[in-house]
Protein backbone atom coordinates (compact mmCIF):
# COMPACT_ATOMS: atom_id res chain seq x y z
CA UNK A 1 -91.95 300.68 163.79
CA UNK A 2 -94.81 299.67 166.10
CA UNK A 3 -95.09 297.66 169.30
CA UNK A 4 -97.08 294.49 168.62
CA UNK A 5 -96.93 292.71 171.98
CA UNK A 6 -95.35 292.76 175.44
CA UNK A 7 -94.82 289.57 177.43
CA UNK A 8 -93.40 288.38 180.74
CA UNK A 9 -92.06 284.87 181.31
CA UNK A 10 -90.91 283.77 184.78
CA UNK A 11 -87.72 281.71 184.50
CA UNK A 12 -86.38 278.84 186.54
CA UNK A 13 -83.38 281.06 187.27
CA UNK A 14 -85.53 283.09 189.66
CA UNK A 15 -85.79 286.05 187.30
CA UNK A 16 -88.58 286.96 184.87
CA UNK A 17 -87.94 287.88 181.23
CA UNK A 18 -89.82 290.89 179.84
CA UNK A 19 -89.94 291.23 176.05
CA UNK A 20 -91.33 294.02 173.88
CA UNK A 21 -92.02 292.83 170.31
CA UNK A 22 -92.26 295.01 167.20
CA UNK A 23 -93.59 294.68 163.67
CA UNK A 24 -90.02 294.89 162.31
CA UNK A 25 -88.84 291.77 164.14
CA UNK A 26 -86.81 293.71 166.72
CA UNK A 27 -87.38 292.63 170.31
CA UNK A 28 -86.33 294.55 173.41
CA UNK A 29 -85.50 292.65 176.59
CA UNK A 30 -85.47 293.38 180.32
CA UNK A 31 -86.12 291.69 183.65
CA UNK A 32 -88.99 292.35 186.03
CA UNK A 33 -88.83 292.59 189.80
CA UNK A 34 -89.72 289.79 192.18
CA UNK A 35 -93.50 289.73 191.63
CA UNK A 36 -94.12 288.59 188.02
CA UNK A 37 -97.85 288.04 188.57
CA UNK A 38 -98.27 291.63 189.75
CA UNK A 39 -96.27 292.80 186.73
CA UNK A 40 -98.49 290.73 184.43
CA UNK A 41 -101.61 292.34 185.90
CA UNK A 42 -100.28 295.83 185.16
CA UNK A 43 -99.21 294.62 181.72
CA UNK A 44 -102.60 293.29 180.68
CA UNK A 45 -104.74 295.94 182.34
CA UNK A 46 -102.83 299.14 181.58
CA UNK A 47 -99.51 298.88 179.76
CA UNK A 48 -100.45 296.91 176.66
CA UNK A 49 -103.63 298.93 175.96
CA UNK A 50 -101.55 302.11 176.11
CA UNK A 51 -98.39 301.02 174.26
CA UNK A 52 -99.32 298.37 171.67
CA UNK A 53 -99.50 300.08 168.28
CA UNK A 54 -97.17 302.93 169.26
CA UNK A 55 -93.59 303.60 168.20
CA UNK A 56 -91.25 302.02 170.80
CA UNK A 57 -88.55 304.59 170.05
CA UNK A 58 -90.61 307.38 171.65
CA UNK A 59 -89.13 306.36 174.98
CA UNK A 60 -89.56 309.63 176.86
CA UNK A 61 -93.24 309.84 175.92
CA UNK A 62 -93.85 306.26 177.04
CA UNK A 63 -92.09 306.87 180.35
CA UNK A 64 -94.33 309.87 180.99
CA UNK A 65 -97.45 307.96 179.98
CA UNK A 66 -96.77 305.09 182.36
CA UNK A 67 -95.33 307.11 185.26
CA UNK A 68 -97.39 310.30 185.15
CA UNK A 69 -100.49 309.61 183.04
CA UNK A 70 -101.99 310.49 179.66
CA UNK A 71 -103.34 313.78 178.34
CA UNK A 72 -106.30 314.73 176.21
CA UNK A 73 -110.02 313.88 176.42
CA UNK A 74 -109.26 310.29 177.48
CA UNK A 75 -106.63 311.25 180.05
CA UNK A 76 -105.67 308.63 182.64
CA UNK A 77 -103.67 308.95 185.82
CA UNK A 78 -101.65 305.75 185.47
CA UNK A 79 -98.99 306.19 188.21
CA UNK A 80 -97.64 302.71 187.57
CA UNK A 81 -94.99 301.67 190.13
CA UNK A 82 -91.49 302.66 189.11
CA UNK A 83 -90.20 299.06 189.16
CA UNK A 84 -92.78 298.10 186.53
CA UNK A 85 -92.08 301.18 184.43
CA UNK A 86 -88.36 300.47 184.75
CA UNK A 87 -88.62 297.08 183.05
CA UNK A 88 -90.52 298.53 180.09
CA UNK A 89 -88.12 301.44 179.81
CA UNK A 90 -85.06 299.15 179.83
CA UNK A 91 -86.59 297.04 177.05
CA UNK A 92 -87.40 300.12 174.95
CA UNK A 93 -83.80 301.35 175.14
CA UNK A 94 -82.72 297.93 173.92
CA UNK A 95 -85.05 298.29 170.92
CA UNK A 96 -83.66 301.75 170.16
CA UNK A 97 -80.14 300.37 170.21
CA UNK A 98 -80.99 297.41 168.01
CA UNK A 99 -82.91 299.56 165.54
CA UNK A 100 -79.93 301.89 165.10
CA UNK A 101 -77.26 299.20 165.30
CA UNK A 102 -75.67 301.00 168.26
CA UNK A 103 -74.95 300.02 171.86
CA UNK A 104 -77.04 301.82 174.46
CA UNK A 105 -73.97 303.57 175.86
CA UNK A 106 -73.44 305.20 172.46
CA UNK A 107 -77.04 306.42 172.42
CA UNK A 108 -76.42 308.06 175.79
CA UNK A 109 -73.49 310.10 174.53
CA UNK A 110 -70.70 307.55 174.53
CA UNK A 111 -68.88 305.49 177.14
CA UNK A 112 -66.10 307.10 179.14
CA UNK A 113 -64.79 303.55 179.62
CA UNK A 114 -66.03 300.12 178.61
CA UNK A 115 -64.17 297.98 181.14
CA UNK A 116 -65.80 298.58 184.53
CA UNK A 117 -64.60 297.34 187.89
CA UNK A 118 -67.12 295.45 190.01
CA UNK A 119 -67.16 295.02 193.76
CA UNK A 120 -68.04 291.69 195.36
CA UNK A 121 -71.17 292.15 197.51
CA UNK A 122 -72.00 289.56 200.17
CA UNK A 123 -74.97 289.81 202.52
CA UNK A 124 -77.23 288.31 205.17
CA UNK A 125 -74.75 289.31 207.85
CA UNK A 126 -77.58 289.45 210.39
CA UNK A 127 -77.70 285.64 210.50
CA UNK A 128 -73.99 284.88 209.96
CA UNK A 129 -71.02 284.58 212.22
CA UNK A 130 -67.88 286.57 211.34
CA UNK A 131 -65.90 283.59 210.08
CA UNK A 132 -68.66 282.57 207.66
CA UNK A 133 -68.70 286.03 206.10
CA UNK A 134 -64.91 286.04 205.90
CA UNK A 135 -64.98 282.77 203.92
CA UNK A 136 -67.51 284.22 201.50
CA UNK A 137 -65.36 287.31 201.01
CA UNK A 138 -62.47 284.96 200.30
CA UNK A 139 -64.57 283.31 197.57
CA UNK A 140 -64.78 286.65 195.78
CA UNK A 141 -61.08 287.23 196.26
CA UNK A 142 -60.32 283.87 194.67
CA UNK A 143 -62.54 284.78 191.70
CA UNK A 144 -60.38 287.82 190.99
CA UNK A 145 -62.39 290.59 192.65
CA UNK A 146 -60.35 293.39 194.20
CA UNK A 147 -63.12 295.48 195.81
CA UNK A 148 -65.69 294.27 198.33
CA UNK A 149 -68.77 295.07 200.41
CA UNK A 150 -70.46 293.15 203.20
CA UNK A 151 -74.14 293.64 203.91
CA UNK A 152 -76.00 293.10 207.18
CA UNK A 153 -79.47 293.12 205.54
CA UNK A 154 -81.13 294.33 208.75
CA UNK A 155 -83.93 296.52 207.32
CA UNK A 156 -85.43 299.47 209.18
CA UNK A 157 -87.70 297.41 211.44
CA UNK A 158 -84.71 295.63 213.06
CA UNK A 159 -83.16 298.81 214.45
CA UNK A 160 -79.90 298.35 216.36
CA UNK A 161 -80.38 294.59 216.64
CA UNK A 162 -76.77 293.45 216.98
CA UNK A 163 -74.22 296.18 216.22
CA UNK A 164 -71.47 294.42 218.18
CA UNK A 165 -71.56 291.36 215.95
CA UNK A 166 -71.86 293.58 212.86
CA UNK A 167 -68.64 295.31 213.81
CA UNK A 168 -66.92 291.99 214.55
CA UNK A 169 -67.83 290.83 211.04
CA UNK A 170 -66.42 293.99 209.50
CA UNK A 171 -63.26 293.86 211.59
CA UNK A 172 -62.47 290.25 210.64
CA UNK A 173 -63.10 290.84 206.92
CA UNK A 174 -61.11 294.09 206.93
CA UNK A 175 -58.16 292.40 208.60
CA UNK A 176 -58.37 289.48 206.17
CA UNK A 177 -58.30 291.55 202.97
CA UNK A 178 -55.15 293.25 201.70
CA UNK A 179 -55.03 296.87 202.81
CA UNK A 180 -55.20 298.22 199.26
CA UNK A 181 -58.50 296.44 198.54
CA UNK A 182 -61.52 298.57 199.53
CA UNK A 183 -64.18 297.11 201.81
CA UNK A 184 -67.57 298.77 202.22
CA UNK A 185 -70.14 298.08 204.93
CA UNK A 186 -73.92 298.10 204.35
CA UNK A 187 -76.20 298.32 207.40
CA UNK A 188 -79.29 298.09 205.15
CA UNK A 189 -81.26 300.74 207.05
CA UNK A 190 -80.62 299.03 210.37
CA UNK A 191 -79.29 301.66 212.81
CA UNK A 192 -80.42 304.67 214.78
CA UNK A 193 -78.43 307.88 214.39
CA UNK A 194 -76.36 307.35 217.55
CA UNK A 195 -75.53 303.73 216.72
CA UNK A 196 -74.64 304.63 213.13
CA UNK A 197 -72.20 307.28 214.35
CA UNK A 198 -70.68 304.93 216.94
CA UNK A 199 -70.24 302.18 214.33
CA UNK A 200 -68.88 304.58 211.75
CA UNK A 201 -66.22 305.96 214.10
CA UNK A 202 -64.93 302.46 214.82
CA UNK A 203 -65.00 301.32 211.21
CA UNK A 204 -63.29 304.38 209.78
CA UNK A 205 -60.41 303.76 212.19
CA UNK A 206 -59.94 300.35 210.56
CA UNK A 207 -60.33 301.68 207.01
CA UNK A 208 -63.75 301.52 205.36
CA UNK A 209 -64.45 302.37 201.71
CA UNK A 210 -68.02 303.54 202.28
CA UNK A 211 -70.75 303.21 204.91
CA UNK A 212 -73.98 302.32 203.12
CA UNK A 213 -77.56 302.87 204.32
CA UNK A 214 -76.72 303.33 208.00
CA UNK A 215 -80.28 304.61 208.64
CA UNK A 216 -83.79 303.94 207.34
CA UNK A 217 -84.02 305.39 203.85
CA UNK A 218 -86.71 307.89 204.87
CA UNK A 219 -84.69 309.51 207.70
CA UNK A 220 -83.22 312.38 205.70
CA UNK A 221 -82.55 314.63 208.72
CA UNK A 222 -80.82 311.73 210.46
CA UNK A 223 -78.60 311.20 207.43
CA UNK A 224 -77.36 314.76 207.66
CA UNK A 225 -76.41 314.17 211.30
CA UNK A 226 -74.45 311.04 210.41
CA UNK A 227 -72.76 312.65 207.41
CA UNK A 228 -71.69 315.64 209.50
CA UNK A 229 -70.36 313.43 212.30
CA UNK A 230 -68.22 311.01 210.27
CA UNK A 231 -65.26 311.21 207.91
CA UNK A 232 -66.18 308.04 206.01
CA UNK A 233 -68.25 308.45 202.84
CA UNK A 234 -71.94 307.82 203.54
CA UNK A 235 -73.93 306.29 200.67
CA UNK A 236 -77.63 305.68 200.09
CA UNK A 237 -80.39 306.03 197.49
CA UNK A 238 -81.09 302.53 196.17
CA UNK A 239 -84.68 302.53 197.49
CA UNK A 240 -85.64 305.90 196.02
CA UNK A 241 -88.24 305.75 193.25
CA UNK A 242 -87.91 309.05 191.39
CA UNK A 243 -85.62 311.97 190.61
CA UNK A 244 -87.69 314.10 193.03
CA UNK A 245 -86.98 311.73 195.92
CA UNK A 246 -83.28 311.76 195.01
CA UNK A 247 -83.40 315.57 194.96
CA UNK A 248 -84.91 315.66 198.44
CA UNK A 249 -82.38 313.10 199.67
CA UNK A 250 -79.49 315.25 198.45
CA UNK A 251 -80.93 318.51 199.81
CA UNK A 252 -82.04 317.21 203.21
CA UNK A 253 -79.72 314.27 203.90
CA UNK A 254 -76.63 315.32 201.94
CA UNK A 255 -75.10 311.81 201.56
CA UNK A 256 -71.63 311.68 200.06
CA UNK A 257 -72.46 309.02 197.43
CA UNK A 258 -75.75 308.50 195.55
CA UNK A 259 -76.74 304.90 194.77
CA UNK A 260 -79.61 304.74 192.27
CA UNK A 261 -81.14 301.38 191.37
CA UNK A 262 -82.08 301.24 187.70
CA UNK A 263 -85.24 299.21 188.30
CA UNK A 264 -86.46 300.95 191.47
CA UNK A 265 -85.94 304.34 189.88
CA UNK A 266 -87.87 303.62 186.68
CA UNK A 267 -85.32 302.58 184.07
CA UNK A 268 -82.53 304.18 182.09
CA UNK A 269 -84.60 307.26 181.31
CA UNK A 270 -84.87 308.26 184.97
CA UNK A 271 -81.37 307.09 185.89
CA UNK A 272 -79.81 309.39 183.32
CA UNK A 273 -81.73 312.34 184.76
CA UNK A 274 -80.47 311.47 188.25
CA UNK A 275 -76.91 311.22 186.94
CA UNK A 276 -77.19 314.74 185.57
CA UNK A 277 -78.40 315.92 188.99
CA UNK A 278 -75.44 314.29 190.73
CA UNK A 279 -73.03 315.95 188.32
CA UNK A 280 -74.50 319.35 189.13
CA UNK A 281 -74.30 318.59 192.86
CA UNK A 282 -70.73 317.22 192.54
CA UNK A 283 -71.82 313.89 194.06
CA UNK A 284 -70.15 310.58 193.15
CA UNK A 285 -72.49 307.78 192.16
CA UNK A 286 -72.26 304.05 192.77
CA UNK A 287 -75.26 302.17 191.32
CA UNK A 288 -77.22 299.48 193.10
CA UNK A 289 -77.94 296.77 190.52
CA UNK A 290 -76.04 293.70 191.70
CA UNK A 291 -77.48 290.93 189.55
CA UNK A 292 -75.79 289.42 186.51
CA UNK A 293 -78.24 289.77 183.64
CA UNK A 294 -80.12 292.26 181.51
CA UNK A 295 -80.93 294.95 184.06
CA UNK A 296 -77.40 294.97 185.43
CA UNK A 297 -76.09 295.31 181.88
CA UNK A 298 -78.43 298.25 181.33
CA UNK A 299 -77.13 299.81 184.56
CA UNK A 300 -73.54 299.32 183.42
CA UNK A 301 -74.24 300.93 180.04
CA UNK A 302 -75.68 304.01 181.74
CA UNK A 303 -72.93 304.10 184.37
CA UNK A 304 -70.21 303.93 181.74
CA UNK A 305 -71.25 307.26 180.24
CA UNK A 306 -70.76 309.58 183.21
CA UNK A 307 -67.58 311.22 184.46
CA UNK A 308 -68.33 310.88 188.18
CA UNK A 309 -68.59 307.08 187.91
CA UNK A 310 -65.25 306.53 189.62
CA UNK A 311 -66.24 303.75 192.03
CA UNK A 312 -66.84 300.05 191.30
CA UNK A 313 -70.31 298.82 190.29
CA UNK A 314 -72.00 296.33 192.63
CA UNK A 315 -72.11 292.60 191.83
CA UNK A 316 -73.52 289.72 193.88
CA UNK A 317 -73.99 286.05 193.10
CA UNK A 318 -76.74 285.96 195.74
CA UNK A 319 -79.16 287.76 193.43
CA UNK A 320 -77.88 286.37 190.15
CA UNK A 321 -78.75 283.27 188.15
CA UNK A 322 -76.02 280.66 188.02
CA UNK A 323 -73.49 281.44 185.31
CA UNK A 324 -74.35 278.17 183.54
CA UNK A 325 -78.00 279.28 183.34
CA UNK A 326 -76.95 282.61 181.88
CA UNK A 327 -74.89 280.74 179.31
CA UNK A 328 -78.05 278.83 178.36
CA UNK A 329 -80.28 281.91 178.27
CA UNK A 330 -77.99 284.12 176.18
CA UNK A 331 -76.11 283.29 173.02
CA UNK A 332 -73.40 285.70 174.08
CA UNK A 333 -73.53 286.15 177.86
CA UNK A 334 -71.42 288.96 179.29
CA UNK A 335 -70.02 287.67 182.58
CA UNK A 336 -67.53 289.10 185.10
CA UNK A 337 -63.88 288.26 184.57
CA UNK A 338 -61.19 289.09 187.13
CA UNK A 339 -63.55 291.43 188.97
CA UNK A 340 -64.45 293.47 185.86
CA UNK A 341 -67.02 293.40 183.11
CA UNK A 342 -66.41 294.65 179.58
CA UNK A 343 -69.28 296.22 177.69
CA UNK A 344 -70.11 295.09 174.21
CA UNK A 345 -70.29 297.34 171.16
CA UNK A 346 -73.14 295.18 169.86
CA UNK A 347 -76.55 296.78 169.36
CA UNK A 348 -78.66 297.46 172.44
CA UNK A 349 -77.13 295.78 175.48
CA UNK A 350 -75.21 293.31 173.35
CA UNK A 351 -77.35 290.43 174.64
CA UNK A 352 -79.25 287.97 172.47
CA UNK A 353 -81.75 285.45 173.85
CA UNK A 354 -81.15 281.81 172.90
CA UNK A 355 -84.62 281.09 171.54
CA UNK A 356 -83.93 277.37 171.24
CA UNK A 357 -83.10 277.06 174.93
CA UNK A 358 -85.62 279.58 176.29
CA UNK A 359 -88.62 277.15 176.48
CA UNK A 360 -86.57 274.92 178.79
CA UNK A 361 -85.94 277.85 181.14
CA UNK A 362 -89.53 279.11 181.51
CA UNK A 363 -91.08 278.32 184.89
CA UNK A 364 -94.69 277.43 185.58
CA UNK A 365 -96.40 279.74 188.07
């Protein structure tokens, strides 16, 4: 089997479809990040010249080629961004599954469970009033979700902008939800160490499931201070781009929960290495891949195979295409039901593109 072409098609859903074609008629699928024109430049200049004509099932070799460079007399230091590598890697795992007739979770050693709980993630708290966020949490509750997270989406350059309102939002949502339903809080890198500790003390008194990204992602020493000061589980890791960065995060920051993002990290190949690291370190994981679609399905397949995957997987309609668009794009869309998603035993990710409808979904850019 040989790769014959690799394409990217921006869609009207706001996502971009990446496809890796082979000479045996098997096509692997993935989604790119938010800059499809940048992805296309890497694709035409570097990725296709290196991968077209090679065996797509040599996934580890291709990951090394794109991430680290090539060897031999024509060696190249590629160092392609991990988000770009991640899309290619996800598509190659889909090809491997389809070529063997197996789901990706089976290729990774087998699923420990196929029905996975999701948590309803709602953001942009920085520009919302508490009652607005409460109503949006209620939307998830009415859809059957039983675990939740609210996000402030501050970013590191908005440090300590409005912690009082942030806490008011959390307090109202926590008091609204039934006590048995977990509610996490995501500061999205927005606090200093002292503010993070002050917020954490107040929120843990109300009952908080986890306190996510209280500090800028690069402040590893600060994370250790916050972790040591609070009883609530501190989580972070979605912005890390390699297993080495995750290693340094665990050694220096010591967060309680690791949150790898399958695209930011470089695909399934790198995620599975990180999962092995977390098992050795006895760290729970809780992936960041909230969109309904191909990449989220890839994240769920990988997550299903590890024993320390005891927490819900993130889900957000804010980053997802409308369900009706997904039903047009896929012949057999796998959508959340009652706050859970059930993995398919079909080959690859169990997703098949509706080729008849696809031309109507491609956007002009």
